[in-house]
Protein backbone atom coordinates (compact mmCIF):
# COMPACT_ATOMS: atom_id res chain seq x y z
CA MET A 1 0.00 0.00 0.00
CA ALA A 2 1.35 3.45 -0.91
CA GLU A 3 2.35 5.75 1.92
CA ASP A 4 -0.20 8.34 3.02
CA ILE A 5 0.19 11.90 1.77
CA VAL A 6 -0.58 14.38 4.52
CA ILE A 7 -1.21 18.12 4.81
CA THR A 8 1.00 19.96 7.30
CA GLY A 9 0.39 23.58 6.35
CA LEU A 10 -2.47 25.79 5.14
CA GLY A 11 -2.53 29.39 3.94
CA ILE A 12 -5.66 31.28 2.94
CA VAL A 13 -6.36 34.68 1.37
CA ALA A 14 -10.11 35.00 0.78
CA PRO A 15 -12.83 37.66 0.57
CA ILE A 16 -13.98 36.59 4.04
CA GLY A 17 -10.56 36.47 5.69
CA CYS A 18 -6.82 36.37 5.09
CA SER A 19 -5.86 33.95 7.85
CA GLU A 20 -7.10 30.56 9.06
CA GLU A 21 -8.71 32.15 12.09
CA ARG A 22 -10.49 34.96 10.25
CA PHE A 23 -11.61 32.63 7.44
CA TRP A 24 -13.06 30.05 9.84
CA GLU A 25 -14.72 32.69 11.98
CA SER A 26 -16.48 34.13 8.91
CA LEU A 27 -17.63 30.68 7.78
CA CYS A 28 -19.11 29.98 11.20
CA GLN A 29 -20.78 33.38 11.52
CA GLY A 30 -22.08 33.62 7.94
CA ARG A 31 -20.07 36.74 7.19
CA SER A 32 -20.17 37.38 3.43
CA GLY A 33 -17.48 38.98 1.30
CA ALA A 34 -20.02 40.48 -1.12
CA ALA A 35 -19.82 44.24 -1.71
CA ALA A 36 -19.80 46.80 -4.50
CA VAL A 37 -16.93 46.34 -6.96
CA ASP A 38 -14.21 48.91 -6.30
CA CYS A 39 -11.88 48.44 -9.29
CA LEU A 40 -14.30 48.67 -12.20
CA ASP A 41 -16.82 51.29 -13.26
CA THR A 42 -20.11 49.39 -13.10
CA SER A 43 -22.40 52.38 -13.68
CA GLY A 44 -23.39 51.13 -17.14
CA LEU A 45 -23.57 47.46 -16.17
CA SER A 46 -26.47 45.37 -14.91
CA ARG A 47 -24.40 43.94 -12.03
CA SER A 48 -22.15 45.65 -9.49
CA ILE A 49 -21.57 43.19 -6.62
CA ALA A 50 -18.58 40.88 -6.23
CA CYS A 51 -16.48 39.19 -3.55
CA GLN A 52 -13.06 40.87 -3.48
CA VAL A 53 -10.23 40.55 -0.97
CA ARG A 54 -10.51 43.83 0.91
CA GLU A 55 -7.71 43.30 3.42
CA PRO A 56 -4.22 44.53 2.44
CA VAL A 57 -2.05 41.84 0.87
CA ASP A 58 1.45 42.44 2.20
CA VAL A 59 3.60 41.35 -0.73
CA ASP A 60 6.26 43.85 -1.77
CA ARG A 61 6.78 42.70 -5.37
CA PRO A 62 5.74 44.20 -8.74
CA ILE A 63 3.69 41.18 -9.74
CA GLY A 64 0.11 40.53 -10.81
CA ARG A 65 -2.85 40.28 -8.47
CA ALA A 66 -3.17 36.48 -8.63
CA SER A 67 0.53 36.10 -7.88
CA ARG A 68 0.32 38.44 -4.89
CA LEU A 69 -2.56 36.45 -3.44
CA ALA A 70 -0.72 33.16 -4.08
CA VAL A 71 2.53 34.40 -2.55
CA SER A 72 0.73 35.53 0.61
CA ALA A 73 -1.13 32.23 0.98
CA SER A 74 2.06 30.25 0.28
CA GLN A 75 4.03 32.13 2.92
CA GLN A 76 1.29 31.40 5.45
CA ALA A 77 1.24 27.70 4.54
CA LEU A 78 5.01 27.28 4.77
CA ALA A 79 5.12 29.07 8.13
CA ALA A 80 2.31 26.88 9.46
CA ALA A 81 4.14 23.75 8.30
CA GLY A 82 7.49 24.89 9.68
CA VAL A 83 9.11 24.56 6.26
CA SER A 84 11.49 26.97 4.54
CA ALA A 85 13.88 26.84 1.62
CA ASP A 86 16.76 27.17 4.11
CA ALA A 87 15.59 24.19 6.17
CA VAL A 88 14.93 21.72 3.33
CA ASP A 89 16.45 20.83 -0.02
CA SER A 90 14.80 23.52 -2.12
CA GLN A 91 15.25 21.41 -5.26
CA ARG A 92 12.93 18.81 -3.72
CA MET A 93 9.99 21.18 -3.24
CA ALA A 94 7.47 21.28 -6.11
CA ILE A 95 4.98 24.10 -6.64
CA THR A 96 1.70 23.53 -8.48
CA ILE A 97 -0.95 26.26 -8.66
CA GLY A 98 -4.35 25.87 -10.26
CA THR A 99 -5.90 28.88 -11.95
CA THR A 100 -8.69 29.85 -14.34
CA MET A 101 -7.71 33.26 -15.61
CA GLY A 102 -4.00 33.39 -14.80
CA GLU A 103 -2.78 36.98 -14.78
CA THR A 104 -5.19 39.22 -16.70
CA GLU A 105 -4.37 42.46 -14.89
CA PHE A 106 -1.65 43.46 -17.38
CA ILE A 107 -4.10 43.21 -20.26
CA GLU A 108 -7.15 44.65 -18.51
CA GLU A 109 -5.37 47.77 -17.32
CA ARG A 110 -5.04 48.96 -20.93
CA LEU A 111 -8.57 48.18 -22.10
CA THR A 112 -9.71 51.65 -21.09
CA GLY A 113 -6.32 53.39 -21.33
CA PRO A 114 -5.11 55.86 -23.97
CA ASP A 115 -4.18 54.46 -27.38
CA ASP A 116 -0.56 55.58 -27.02
CA GLN A 117 -0.15 53.24 -24.02
CA TRP A 118 -1.36 50.17 -25.92
CA LEU A 119 1.33 47.65 -26.94
CA THR A 120 4.25 49.90 -26.11
CA ASP A 121 7.53 48.19 -25.20
CA GLU A 122 6.74 48.64 -21.50
CA HIS A 123 3.23 47.26 -21.93
CA MET A 124 4.49 44.25 -23.90
CA HIS A 125 6.99 43.53 -21.13
CA ARG A 126 4.23 43.66 -18.52
CA ILE A 127 2.02 41.31 -20.55
CA ALA A 128 4.93 38.88 -20.91
CA SER A 129 5.46 38.97 -17.14
CA GLY A 130 1.92 37.64 -16.72
CA ARG A 131 2.24 34.81 -19.24
CA PRO A 132 1.18 31.22 -18.37
CA GLY A 133 3.31 29.83 -15.57
CA SER A 134 3.89 33.23 -13.99
CA ILE A 135 1.95 32.58 -10.76
CA ALA A 136 3.99 29.53 -9.73
CA ARG A 137 7.16 31.24 -10.96
CA ASN A 138 6.47 34.27 -8.77
CA VAL A 139 5.78 32.08 -5.73
CA HIS A 140 8.97 30.16 -6.51
CA ALA A 141 10.96 33.42 -6.56
CA ALA A 142 9.35 34.78 -3.38
CA ILE A 143 10.06 31.72 -1.21
CA GLY A 144 13.47 30.90 -2.69
CA THR A 145 13.02 27.35 -3.94
CA SER A 146 14.50 25.82 -7.09
CA GLY A 147 12.34 22.73 -7.62
CA PRO A 148 9.78 22.01 -10.38
CA ILE A 149 6.96 24.55 -10.83
CA SER A 150 3.78 24.75 -12.90
CA ASP A 151 0.55 26.67 -13.29
CA LEU A 152 -2.28 24.25 -13.95
CA TYR A 153 -5.14 25.62 -16.06
CA GLY A 154 -8.25 23.61 -15.20
CA ALA A 155 -10.97 26.26 -15.09
CA CYS A 156 -12.91 26.19 -11.81
CA ALA A 157 -11.74 22.65 -10.98
CA ALA A 158 -8.07 23.71 -11.00
CA GLY A 159 -7.44 23.94 -7.24
CA ASN A 160 -8.40 20.32 -6.62
CA MET A 161 -6.43 19.31 -9.70
CA ALA A 162 -3.30 20.97 -8.30
CA ILE A 163 -3.68 19.09 -5.01
CA ALA A 164 -4.15 15.82 -6.92
CA ALA A 165 -1.04 16.52 -9.01
CA ALA A 166 1.00 17.28 -5.89
CA ARG A 167 -0.11 14.03 -4.28
CA ARG A 168 0.93 12.06 -7.35
CA ASN A 169 4.34 13.78 -7.47
CA LEU A 170 4.94 12.83 -3.84
CA LEU A 171 3.76 9.23 -4.30
CA GLU A 172 6.02 8.80 -7.32
CA GLY A 173 9.02 10.31 -5.55
CA ARG A 174 9.42 13.38 -7.74
CA CYS A 175 9.59 15.65 -4.69
CA ASP A 176 9.72 15.53 -0.90
CA PHE A 177 7.53 18.58 -0.27
CA ALA A 178 4.74 20.00 -2.41
CA LEU A 179 3.20 23.44 -2.24
CA ALA A 180 -0.15 23.23 -4.02
CA GLY A 181 -3.45 25.06 -4.29
CA GLY A 182 -5.25 27.62 -6.41
CA ALA A 183 -5.19 31.36 -7.09
CA ASP A 184 -7.07 33.92 -9.15
CA GLY A 185 -7.21 37.69 -8.84
CA PHE A 186 -10.36 39.68 -9.51
CA SER A 187 -10.83 39.77 -13.27
CA GLN A 188 -12.82 42.36 -15.17
CA LEU A 189 -12.99 39.90 -18.07
CA ALA A 190 -14.54 37.24 -15.83
CA PHE A 191 -16.93 39.73 -14.23
CA ILE A 192 -18.25 41.03 -17.56
CA GLY A 193 -18.17 37.57 -19.12
CA PHE A 194 -20.32 35.95 -16.44
CA MET A 195 -22.65 38.94 -16.48
CA ARG A 196 -23.16 38.54 -20.24
CA LEU A 197 -23.80 34.83 -19.75
CA ARG A 198 -26.62 35.94 -17.39
CA VAL A 199 -25.48 33.70 -14.56
CA MET A 200 -24.54 36.40 -12.02
CA ALA A 201 -26.62 37.12 -8.94
CA ALA A 202 -27.98 40.62 -8.46
CA GLU A 203 -26.92 40.93 -4.82
CA VAL A 204 -26.84 37.65 -2.88
CA CYS A 205 -25.59 34.19 -3.87
CA ARG A 206 -28.06 31.50 -2.74
CA PRO A 207 -26.74 28.03 -3.64
CA PHE A 208 -29.38 25.29 -3.74
CA ASP A 209 -32.21 27.74 -3.01
CA GLU A 210 -35.36 27.79 -5.13
CA GLN A 211 -34.87 31.55 -5.59
CA ARG A 212 -31.18 31.39 -6.58
CA ASP A 213 -30.31 33.74 -9.43
CA GLY A 214 -26.62 33.14 -10.01
CA LEU A 215 -23.07 33.39 -8.74
CA LEU A 216 -20.92 36.25 -7.49
CA VAL A 217 -17.45 36.61 -9.01
CA GLY A 218 -14.69 36.44 -6.40
CA GLU A 219 -10.93 36.25 -5.97
CA GLY A 220 -8.57 34.54 -3.59
CA ALA A 221 -5.90 31.92 -3.00
CA ALA A 222 -5.49 28.86 -0.81
CA MET A 223 -2.22 26.92 -0.59
CA PHE A 224 -1.25 23.71 1.18
CA VAL A 225 2.01 22.03 2.15
CA LEU A 226 1.85 18.31 1.38
CA GLU A 227 4.42 15.65 2.22
CA ARG A 228 4.75 11.94 2.80
CA GLU A 229 3.66 10.86 6.28
CA SER A 230 7.11 9.45 7.09
CA THR A 231 8.71 12.83 6.30
CA ALA A 232 6.20 14.69 8.44
CA ARG A 233 6.65 12.36 11.41
CA ALA A 234 10.44 12.38 11.13
CA ARG A 235 10.53 16.16 11.49
CA GLY A 236 7.81 16.28 14.17
CA ALA A 237 5.31 18.19 12.04
CA THR A 238 1.64 18.49 12.96
CA ILE A 239 -0.53 16.52 10.54
CA HIS A 240 -3.78 18.37 9.82
CA GLY A 241 -5.31 15.87 7.42
CA ARG A 242 -4.68 13.22 4.78
CA VAL A 243 -5.34 13.36 1.05
CA SER A 244 -7.08 10.00 0.82
CA GLY A 245 -8.49 10.01 -2.71
CA CYS A 246 -8.44 12.02 -5.92
CA ALA A 247 -10.09 11.81 -9.32
CA ILE A 248 -10.16 14.08 -12.36
CA THR A 249 -12.53 13.62 -15.30
CA SER A 250 -13.61 15.52 -18.39
CA GLU A 251 -16.79 15.49 -20.44
CA ASN A 252 -17.32 16.44 -24.06
CA TYR A 253 -20.72 18.08 -23.76
CA HIS A 254 -20.57 21.89 -23.98
CA PRO A 255 -17.98 24.67 -23.45
CA THR A 256 -19.86 26.28 -20.54
CA ARG A 257 -22.62 23.86 -19.48
CA PRO A 258 -22.25 20.51 -17.70
CA ASP A 259 -23.84 17.34 -18.96
CA PRO A 260 -27.52 17.43 -17.83
CA ASN A 261 -27.03 14.07 -16.11
CA GLY A 262 -23.84 15.19 -14.37
CA ASP A 263 -21.77 12.49 -16.08
CA GLY A 264 -18.32 14.00 -15.49
CA LEU A 265 -18.83 14.94 -11.83
CA THR A 266 -20.46 11.57 -11.12
CA ARG A 267 -17.41 9.77 -12.50
CA ALA A 268 -15.07 12.04 -10.53
CA THR A 269 -16.98 11.44 -7.29
CA ARG A 270 -17.00 7.68 -7.71
CA GLY A 271 -13.37 7.69 -8.81
CA ALA A 272 -12.27 9.53 -5.67
CA LEU A 273 -14.22 7.07 -3.50
CA ARG A 274 -12.52 4.14 -5.23
CA ASP A 275 -9.10 5.75 -4.89
CA ALA A 276 -9.67 6.27 -1.16
CA GLY A 277 -11.13 2.79 -0.67
CA LEU A 278 -14.25 4.26 0.90
CA ALA A 279 -17.94 3.51 0.57
CA PRO A 280 -20.36 6.40 -0.03
CA ALA A 281 -21.79 5.98 3.48
CA GLU A 282 -18.36 6.74 4.97
CA ILE A 283 -18.36 10.32 3.67
CA ASP A 284 -19.43 12.57 6.53
CA TYR A 285 -19.67 15.78 4.51
CA LEU A 286 -19.63 16.90 0.89
CA CYS A 287 -18.41 20.41 0.10
CA ALA A 288 -20.36 21.06 -3.08
CA HIS A 289 -19.36 23.16 -6.08
CA GLY A 290 -22.67 24.99 -5.45
CA THR A 291 -22.36 28.07 -7.65
CA GLY A 292 -25.89 29.33 -7.07
CA THR A 293 -26.79 29.14 -10.77
CA PRO A 294 -30.14 27.51 -11.63
CA GLN A 295 -28.77 24.82 -13.93
CA ASN A 296 -25.55 23.80 -12.16
CA ASP A 297 -27.08 23.40 -8.70
CA ALA A 298 -29.89 21.20 -10.02
CA ILE A 299 -27.42 18.97 -11.86
CA GLU A 300 -25.19 18.73 -8.80
CA VAL A 301 -28.11 17.57 -6.66
CA LYS A 302 -28.71 14.85 -9.24
CA VAL A 303 -25.05 13.82 -8.99
CA MET A 304 -25.26 13.55 -5.20
CA GLN A 305 -28.42 11.49 -5.43
CA ASN A 306 -26.74 9.16 -7.92
CA CYS A 307 -23.58 8.73 -5.86
CA PHE A 308 -25.03 8.67 -2.34
CA PRO A 309 -28.11 6.43 -2.28
CA ASP A 310 -28.26 6.64 1.53
CA GLY A 311 -27.87 10.42 1.54
CA VAL A 312 -25.05 12.79 2.44
CA ARG A 313 -24.70 16.05 4.33
CA PHE A 314 -23.67 18.86 1.99
CA SER A 315 -23.31 22.62 1.64
CA SER A 316 -21.66 25.32 -0.48
CA ILE A 317 -19.47 28.08 0.95
CA LYS A 318 -19.71 30.15 -2.26
CA ALA A 319 -22.67 31.85 -0.60
CA LEU A 320 -20.00 33.75 1.38
CA THR A 321 -16.79 33.63 -0.66
CA GLY A 322 -18.30 34.04 -4.11
CA HIS A 323 -16.85 32.02 -6.97
CA THR A 324 -13.10 32.48 -6.70
CA MET A 325 -12.48 30.83 -10.08
CA GLY A 326 -9.36 28.62 -10.08
CA ALA A 327 -8.97 29.19 -6.35
CA ALA A 328 -12.50 27.96 -5.59
CA SER A 329 -11.90 24.28 -4.94
CA ALA A 330 -8.69 25.08 -3.04
CA VAL A 331 -10.55 27.57 -0.82
CA GLU A 332 -13.22 24.90 -0.31
CA ALA A 333 -10.52 22.33 0.50
CA ALA A 334 -9.40 24.73 3.24
CA CYS A 335 -12.95 24.69 4.62
CA CYS A 336 -12.90 20.88 4.50
CA LEU A 337 -9.58 20.70 6.34
CA LEU A 338 -10.77 23.09 9.04
CA SER A 339 -14.04 21.13 9.37
CA LEU A 340 -11.98 18.03 10.10
CA ARG A 341 -9.93 19.94 12.68
CA HIS A 342 -12.90 21.56 14.44
CA GLN A 343 -15.32 18.64 13.95
CA THR A 344 -17.86 21.17 12.70
CA LEU A 345 -19.76 21.44 9.42
CA ILE A 346 -20.46 24.77 7.73
CA PRO A 347 -23.97 25.35 6.31
CA THR A 348 -25.02 26.94 3.04
CA TRP A 349 -25.77 30.44 4.26
CA HIS A 350 -28.70 32.35 2.66
CA LEU A 351 -30.45 29.02 2.00
CA GLU A 352 -34.17 29.36 2.75
CA ASN A 353 -36.24 27.21 0.39
CA VAL A 354 -34.17 24.17 -0.62
CA ILE A 355 -34.55 22.84 -4.15
CA GLU A 356 -35.69 19.25 -4.56
CA SER A 357 -33.02 17.19 -2.77
CA ALA A 358 -34.88 14.06 -1.71
CA GLY A 359 -32.69 11.63 0.22
CA LEU A 360 -29.97 14.21 0.87
CA ASP A 361 -29.21 16.30 3.96
CA PRO A 362 -28.59 19.97 3.08
CA LEU A 363 -26.88 21.88 5.88
CA ARG A 364 -28.43 25.27 6.57
CA ASP A 365 -29.03 28.00 9.17
CA ALA A 366 -26.05 27.33 11.48
CA PRO A 367 -22.81 25.33 11.86
CA ALA A 368 -23.32 21.79 13.08
CA GLU A 369 -21.04 19.86 15.40
CA ALA A 370 -20.50 16.38 14.02
CA ARG A 371 -18.18 13.40 13.89
CA VAL A 372 -16.13 14.24 10.78
CA ARG A 373 -13.72 11.59 9.50
CA HIS A 374 -13.85 11.84 5.70
CA VAL A 375 -14.95 14.82 3.59
CA LEU A 376 -15.40 15.05 -0.17
CA ASN A 377 -14.63 18.26 -2.04
CA ASN A 378 -16.27 18.43 -5.48
CA SER A 379 -15.62 20.93 -8.24
CA ALA A 380 -16.66 21.43 -11.86
CA GLY A 381 -15.59 23.95 -14.45
CA PHE A 382 -16.04 25.27 -17.97
CA GLY A 383 -14.67 23.02 -20.67
CA GLY A 384 -15.94 19.87 -18.96
CA TYR A 385 -13.34 19.80 -16.17
CA ASN A 386 -14.35 17.91 -13.01
CA SER A 387 -12.28 17.16 -9.93
CA SER A 388 -12.94 15.45 -6.62
CA ILE A 389 -10.66 14.99 -3.62
CA ILE A 390 -11.25 13.26 -0.30
CA LEU A 391 -9.59 14.58 2.83
CA SER A 392 -9.51 12.47 5.99
CA ALA A 393 -8.88 13.24 9.63
CA ALA A 394 -5.33 13.11 10.92
């Protein structure tokens, strides 16, 4: 049997908090990150609310927004794990960061600028500095490692995919430590794009509610330190959880809509259960993708009913964080890890009239103390990407 891969560090920069403590407190109290957009003129637009990181991000580097969020979360995670480039072989630390948009700031800043600032030498240099791979490269430079790095583009499933890739690298001996997670900065392109798709909420995101009217665009980053259990125990590290199972699937149905039967996410869910060697009844909580859009939530309920014939407790934290794009499933993995630590399940806030979910157990109204041993984190994205990971108690 392969050695367990464990999580020894967590860092979080989210619209509801930029530390473990603040993030967890907001989840428990139902404190939303939704507010009027402050970096885009929305006076001529039909939507004006988003979930941005309002706290200062203390990163003194001329890098893009996504990279700044990722660097901050990575520094937190490494400090929590007691790991530094000076203390370990920096060539044996891999960095994998999932993202949807990458760095768009260097393009967006010129969309409304004067013509004489468009595609100048300086502007071209700034665009090149935000090219694919730049987020992991900037984290790599900030923390001083020299191991393998990659940005992983997997739409809104990218955070889970990065964690799955890190686990595989550790199991196959390609590294001794892995820094993995997801990051996306607030994107004007994403904001306007989702608005034009007519899937954005007017003011409040209400996942799994009969009156849901869409998602709220967000930003954030969540990063984790992963290592083999033997390494963690040898250095006396605190083990916060285990990555027990992972599965990634794709479906060839539509660029922006999931299969009506939830084929891809069903296969990912069942694949993660098989990988972990767990039965559906052993999952104590499912952190749902739960965007708050009419179509996606209904399909996800169908997936849960297909995969959990005896029911499962579930919720979505996007009601508070908004949809943080490539960071979403990583931010949700942070919620899962903290639920394991605190033995407490977070509800779907703003959920009043639950859509048809016969046989399931939607969490609502308030946090619930529970015996939490295994949690499933599900995510789905544009392009047919689906990813599922199972985290288990330490």
